[in-house]
Amino acid sequence: SELTELLGWASVINMGYLMFVTIMLAIMGDTITSIHSKIFKIDAKGLKVKYFDFLSNFKVISIVFALVPYLALKIMGY
């Protein structure tokens, strides 16, 4: 039951972070892109692709390693 609780909270935190970053990029995308392009010397178009890659990879990893095991343990009754 402790592992189930851990995975449940990990899922909540991961999905919360994913929503936060997505909202921040939607609201303040130009500002964030400007800052990151200056820091990392990447053009804005390439940076937006990297943001999308990061968000999609983070979502898949969160689902596979936190949400699915949590749901499996809940189904099993642990």
C-alpha atoms as a PDB file:
ATOM      1  CA  SER A   1       0.000   0.000   0.000  1.00  0.00           C
ATOM      2  CA  GLU A   2       2.953   2.361   0.584  1.00  0.00           C
ATOM      3  CA  LEU A   3       4.193   1.806  -2.965  1.00  0.00           C
ATOM      4  CA  THR A   4       0.702   2.494  -4.297  1.00  0.00           C
ATOM      5  CA  GLU A   5       0.555   5.733  -2.345  1.00  0.00           C
ATOM      6  CA  LEU A   6       4.038   6.735  -3.531  1.00  0.00           C
ATOM      7  CA  LEU A   7       3.151   6.109  -7.175  1.00  0.00           C
ATOM      8  CA  GLY A   8      -0.139   7.959  -6.755  1.00  0.00           C
ATOM      9  CA  TRP A   9       1.559  11.060  -5.397  1.00  0.00           C
ATOM     10  CA  ALA A  10       4.318  10.787  -8.015  1.00  0.00           C
ATOM     11  CA  SER A  11       1.627  10.754 -10.705  1.00  0.00           C
ATOM     12  CA  VAL A  12      -0.102  13.797  -9.229  1.00  0.00           C
ATOM     13  CA  ILE A  13       3.164  15.736  -8.960  1.00  0.00           C
ATOM     14  CA  ASN A  14       4.308  14.754 -12.465  1.00  0.00           C
ATOM     15  CA  MET A  15       0.996  15.672 -14.084  1.00  0.00           C
ATOM     16  CA  GLY A  16       0.863  18.911 -12.084  1.00  0.00           C
ATOM     17  CA  TYR A  17       4.350  19.836 -13.275  1.00  0.00           C
ATOM     18  CA  LEU A  18       3.434  18.952 -16.844  1.00  0.00           C
ATOM     19  CA  MET A  19       0.341  21.179 -16.702  1.00  0.00           C
ATOM     20  CA  PHE A  20       2.293  24.020 -15.059  1.00  0.00           C
ATOM     21  CA  VAL A  21       5.036  23.998 -17.692  1.00  0.00           C
ATOM     22  CA  THR A  22       2.514  23.745 -20.532  1.00  0.00           C
ATOM     23  CA  ILE A  23       0.497  26.672 -19.191  1.00  0.00           C
ATOM     24  CA  MET A  24       3.608  28.776 -18.601  1.00  0.00           C
ATOM     25  CA  LEU A  25       4.808  28.124 -22.157  1.00  0.00           C
ATOM     26  CA  ALA A  26       1.370  29.014 -23.506  1.00  0.00           C
ATOM     27  CA  ILE A  27       1.105  32.220 -21.494  1.00  0.00           C
ATOM     28  CA  MET A  28       4.722  33.412 -21.428  1.00  0.00           C
ATOM     29  CA  GLY A  29       6.154  31.480 -24.372  1.00  0.00           C
ATOM     30  CA  ASP A  30       7.842  34.420 -26.082  1.00  0.00           C
ATOM     31  CA  THR A  31       9.510  35.634 -22.890  1.00  0.00           C
ATOM     32  CA  ILE A  32      10.730  32.169 -21.916  1.00  0.00           C
ATOM     33  CA  THR A  33      11.934  31.448 -25.451  1.00  0.00           C
ATOM     34  CA  SER A  34      13.801  34.757 -25.531  1.00  0.00           C
ATOM     35  CA  ILE A  35      15.592  34.017 -22.262  1.00  0.00           C
ATOM     36  CA  HIS A  36      16.494  30.445 -23.177  1.00  0.00           C
ATOM     37  CA  SER A  37      17.632  31.339 -26.693  1.00  0.00           C
ATOM     38  CA  LYS A  38      20.067  33.893 -25.229  1.00  0.00           C
ATOM     39  CA  ILE A  39      21.359  31.498 -22.566  1.00  0.00           C
ATOM     40  CA  PHE A  40      21.770  28.425 -24.781  1.00  0.00           C
ATOM     41  CA  LYS A  41      22.427  30.150 -28.141  1.00  0.00           C
ATOM     42  CA  ILE A  42      19.567  28.326 -29.891  1.00  0.00           C
ATOM     43  CA  ASP A  43      17.225  30.006 -32.354  1.00  0.00           C
ATOM     44  CA  ALA A  44      13.603  30.466 -31.259  1.00  0.00           C
ATOM     45  CA  LYS A  45      12.169  28.027 -33.797  1.00  0.00           C
ATOM     46  CA  GLY A  46      14.544  25.242 -32.728  1.00  0.00           C
ATOM     47  CA  LEU A  47      13.812  25.971 -29.097  1.00  0.00           C
ATOM     48  CA  LYS A  48      10.072  25.560 -29.558  1.00  0.00           C
ATOM     49  CA  VAL A  49      10.724  22.126 -31.071  1.00  0.00           C
ATOM     50  CA  LYS A  50      12.857  21.253 -28.063  1.00  0.00           C
ATOM     51  CA  TYR A  51      10.076  22.367 -25.700  1.00  0.00           C
ATOM     52  CA  PHE A  52       7.623  20.106 -27.514  1.00  0.00           C
ATOM     53  CA  ASP A  53      10.093  17.187 -27.406  1.00  0.00           C
ATOM     54  CA  PHE A  54      10.626  17.703 -23.672  1.00  0.00           C
ATOM     55  CA  LEU A  55       6.909  17.872 -22.890  1.00  0.00           C
ATOM     56  CA  SER A  56       6.057  14.823 -24.976  1.00  0.00           C
ATOM     57  CA  ASN A  57       8.902  12.742 -23.524  1.00  0.00           C
ATOM     58  CA  PHE A  58       8.069  13.830 -19.962  1.00  0.00           C
ATOM     59  CA  LYS A  59       4.406  12.910 -20.474  1.00  0.00           C
ATOM     60  CA  VAL A  60       5.208   9.431 -21.806  1.00  0.00           C
ATOM     61  CA  ILE A  61       7.747   8.729 -19.058  1.00  0.00           C
ATOM     62  CA  SER A  62       5.339   9.931 -16.361  1.00  0.00           C
ATOM     63  CA  ILE A  63       2.553   7.750 -17.683  1.00  0.00           C
ATOM     64  CA  VAL A  64       4.717   4.647 -18.126  1.00  0.00           C
ATOM     65  CA  PHE A  65       6.674   4.824 -14.867  1.00  0.00           C
ATOM     66  CA  ALA A  66       4.168   6.378 -12.433  1.00  0.00           C
ATOM     67  CA  LEU A  67       0.558   6.352 -13.611  1.00  0.00           C
ATOM     68  CA  VAL A  68       0.341   2.876 -15.159  1.00  0.00           C
ATOM     69  CA  PRO A  69       2.001   1.082 -12.195  1.00  0.00           C
ATOM     70  CA  TYR A  70      -0.264   3.027  -9.819  1.00  0.00           C
ATOM     71  CA  LEU A  71      -3.373   1.988 -11.749  1.00  0.00           C
ATOM     72  CA  ALA A  72      -2.175  -1.627 -11.937  1.00  0.00           C
ATOM     73  CA  LEU A  73      -1.661  -1.756  -8.164  1.00  0.00           C
ATOM     74  CA  LYS A  74      -5.061  -0.144  -7.575  1.00  0.00           C
ATOM     75  CA  ILE A  75      -6.716  -2.737  -9.822  1.00  0.00           C
ATOM     76  CA  MET A  76      -4.919  -5.524  -7.962  1.00  0.00           C
ATOM     77  CA  GLY A  77      -6.222  -4.103  -4.700  1.00  0.00           C
ATOM     78  CA  TYR A  78      -2.975  -3.013  -3.091  1.00  0.00           C
END
